[in-house]
Amino acid sequence: QGVVAIFEVTDQQALIARAKAAGATLIERWDASDRPATIYYIGDPEYNILGFSTRHHDPRLKTP
């Protein structure tokens, strides 16, 4: 496993609840020590690892 995609989401807790309900395995919860940021890493049924973080929108970035 060389690369893990980390997706920013608007409702992290709801997404993690849906992932668990769909059979995903919680691998790890990571909390930043220097700011209020948490990333949840989950594993899907095919052993892919994905990370989900709360969206921290930078106003300089254009979004659809």
C-alpha atoms as a PDB file:
ATOM      1  CA  GLN A   1       0.000   0.000   0.000  1.00  0.00           C
ATOM      2  CA  GLY A   2       1.985   2.966  -1.246  1.00  0.00           C
ATOM      3  CA  VAL A   3      -0.673   5.682  -1.502  1.00  0.00           C
ATOM      4  CA  VAL A   4      -3.835   6.350   0.476  1.00  0.00           C
ATOM      5  CA  ALA A   5      -6.395   8.787  -0.906  1.00  0.00           C
ATOM      6  CA  ILE A   6      -7.788  11.201   1.683  1.00  0.00           C
ATOM      7  CA  PHE A   7     -11.119  12.759   0.779  1.00  0.00           C
ATOM      8  CA  GLU A   8     -12.481  15.912   2.383  1.00  0.00           C
ATOM      9  CA  VAL A   9     -16.161  15.624   3.260  1.00  0.00           C
ATOM     10  CA  THR A  10     -18.739  18.019   4.677  1.00  0.00           C
ATOM     11  CA  ASP A  11     -20.162  15.571   7.256  1.00  0.00           C
ATOM     12  CA  GLN A  12     -17.403  13.265   8.441  1.00  0.00           C
ATOM     13  CA  GLN A  13     -19.414  11.515  11.155  1.00  0.00           C
ATOM     14  CA  ALA A  14     -22.308  10.686   8.809  1.00  0.00           C
ATOM     15  CA  LEU A  15     -19.911   9.323   6.207  1.00  0.00           C
ATOM     16  CA  ILE A  16     -18.121   7.094   8.728  1.00  0.00           C
ATOM     17  CA  ALA A  17     -21.471   5.790   9.999  1.00  0.00           C
ATOM     18  CA  ARG A  18     -22.568   4.959   6.422  1.00  0.00           C
ATOM     19  CA  ALA A  19     -19.221   3.287   5.685  1.00  0.00           C
ATOM     20  CA  LYS A  20     -19.475   1.088   8.792  1.00  0.00           C
ATOM     21  CA  ALA A  21     -23.095   0.201   7.951  1.00  0.00           C
ATOM     22  CA  ALA A  22     -21.934  -0.842   4.464  1.00  0.00           C
ATOM     23  CA  GLY A  23     -19.297  -3.190   5.918  1.00  0.00           C
ATOM     24  CA  ALA A  24     -16.167  -1.027   5.919  1.00  0.00           C
ATOM     25  CA  THR A  25     -13.607  -1.642   8.639  1.00  0.00           C
ATOM     26  CA  LEU A  26     -12.307   1.257  10.719  1.00  0.00           C
ATOM     27  CA  ILE A  27      -8.530   1.011  10.449  1.00  0.00           C
ATOM     28  CA  GLU A  28      -7.407   4.031  12.431  1.00  0.00           C
ATOM     29  CA  ARG A  29      -8.475   7.426  13.701  1.00  0.00           C
ATOM     30  CA  TRP A  30      -5.729  10.036  13.475  1.00  0.00           C
ATOM     31  CA  ASP A  31      -5.923  13.337  15.387  1.00  0.00           C
ATOM     32  CA  ALA A  32      -3.598  16.230  14.565  1.00  0.00           C
ATOM     33  CA  SER A  33      -1.674  17.523  17.548  1.00  0.00           C
ATOM     34  CA  ASP A  34      -1.367  21.094  16.260  1.00  0.00           C
ATOM     35  CA  ARG A  35      -4.947  21.828  15.104  1.00  0.00           C
ATOM     36  CA  PRO A  36      -8.480  20.445  15.352  1.00  0.00           C
ATOM     37  CA  ALA A  37      -8.255  17.960  12.488  1.00  0.00           C
ATOM     38  CA  THR A  38      -9.180  14.280  12.411  1.00  0.00           C
ATOM     39  CA  ILE A  39      -8.763  11.729   9.634  1.00  0.00           C
ATOM     40  CA  TYR A  40     -10.542   8.381   9.731  1.00  0.00           C
ATOM     41  CA  TYR A  41      -8.926   5.605   7.720  1.00  0.00           C
ATOM     42  CA  ILE A  42     -11.240   2.802   6.626  1.00  0.00           C
ATOM     43  CA  GLY A  43     -10.805  -0.402   4.683  1.00  0.00           C
ATOM     44  CA  ASP A  44     -13.310  -1.534   2.085  1.00  0.00           C
ATOM     45  CA  PRO A  45     -14.216  -5.193   1.443  1.00  0.00           C
ATOM     46  CA  GLU A  46     -11.417  -5.429  -1.169  1.00  0.00           C
ATOM     47  CA  TYR A  47      -8.747  -4.253   1.341  1.00  0.00           C
ATOM     48  CA  ASN A  48      -8.355  -0.764  -0.143  1.00  0.00           C
ATOM     49  CA  ILE A  49      -7.617   1.916   2.457  1.00  0.00           C
ATOM     50  CA  LEU A  50      -9.258   5.339   2.192  1.00  0.00           C
ATOM     51  CA  GLY A  51      -9.061   8.369   4.450  1.00  0.00           C
ATOM     52  CA  PHE A  52     -11.815  10.860   5.211  1.00  0.00           C
ATOM     53  CA  SER A  53     -11.225  14.299   6.681  1.00  0.00           C
ATOM     54  CA  THR A  54     -13.518  17.220   7.440  1.00  0.00           C
ATOM     55  CA  ARG A  55     -13.559  19.760   4.612  1.00  0.00           C
ATOM     56  CA  HIS A  56     -11.482  22.823   5.375  1.00  0.00           C
ATOM     57  CA  HIS A  57     -12.269  25.063   2.437  1.00  0.00           C
ATOM     58  CA  ASP A  58      -9.554  27.456   1.303  1.00  0.00           C
ATOM     59  CA  PRO A  59     -11.358  30.451  -0.246  1.00  0.00           C
ATOM     60  CA  ARG A  60      -8.509  30.823  -2.764  1.00  0.00           C
ATOM     61  CA  LEU A  61      -9.432  27.503  -4.366  1.00  0.00           C
ATOM     62  CA  LYS A  62     -12.241  27.461  -6.899  1.00  0.00           C
ATOM     63  CA  THR A  63     -14.819  24.730  -6.300  1.00  0.00           C
ATOM     64  CA  PRO A  64     -17.839  23.768  -8.400  1.00  0.00           C
END
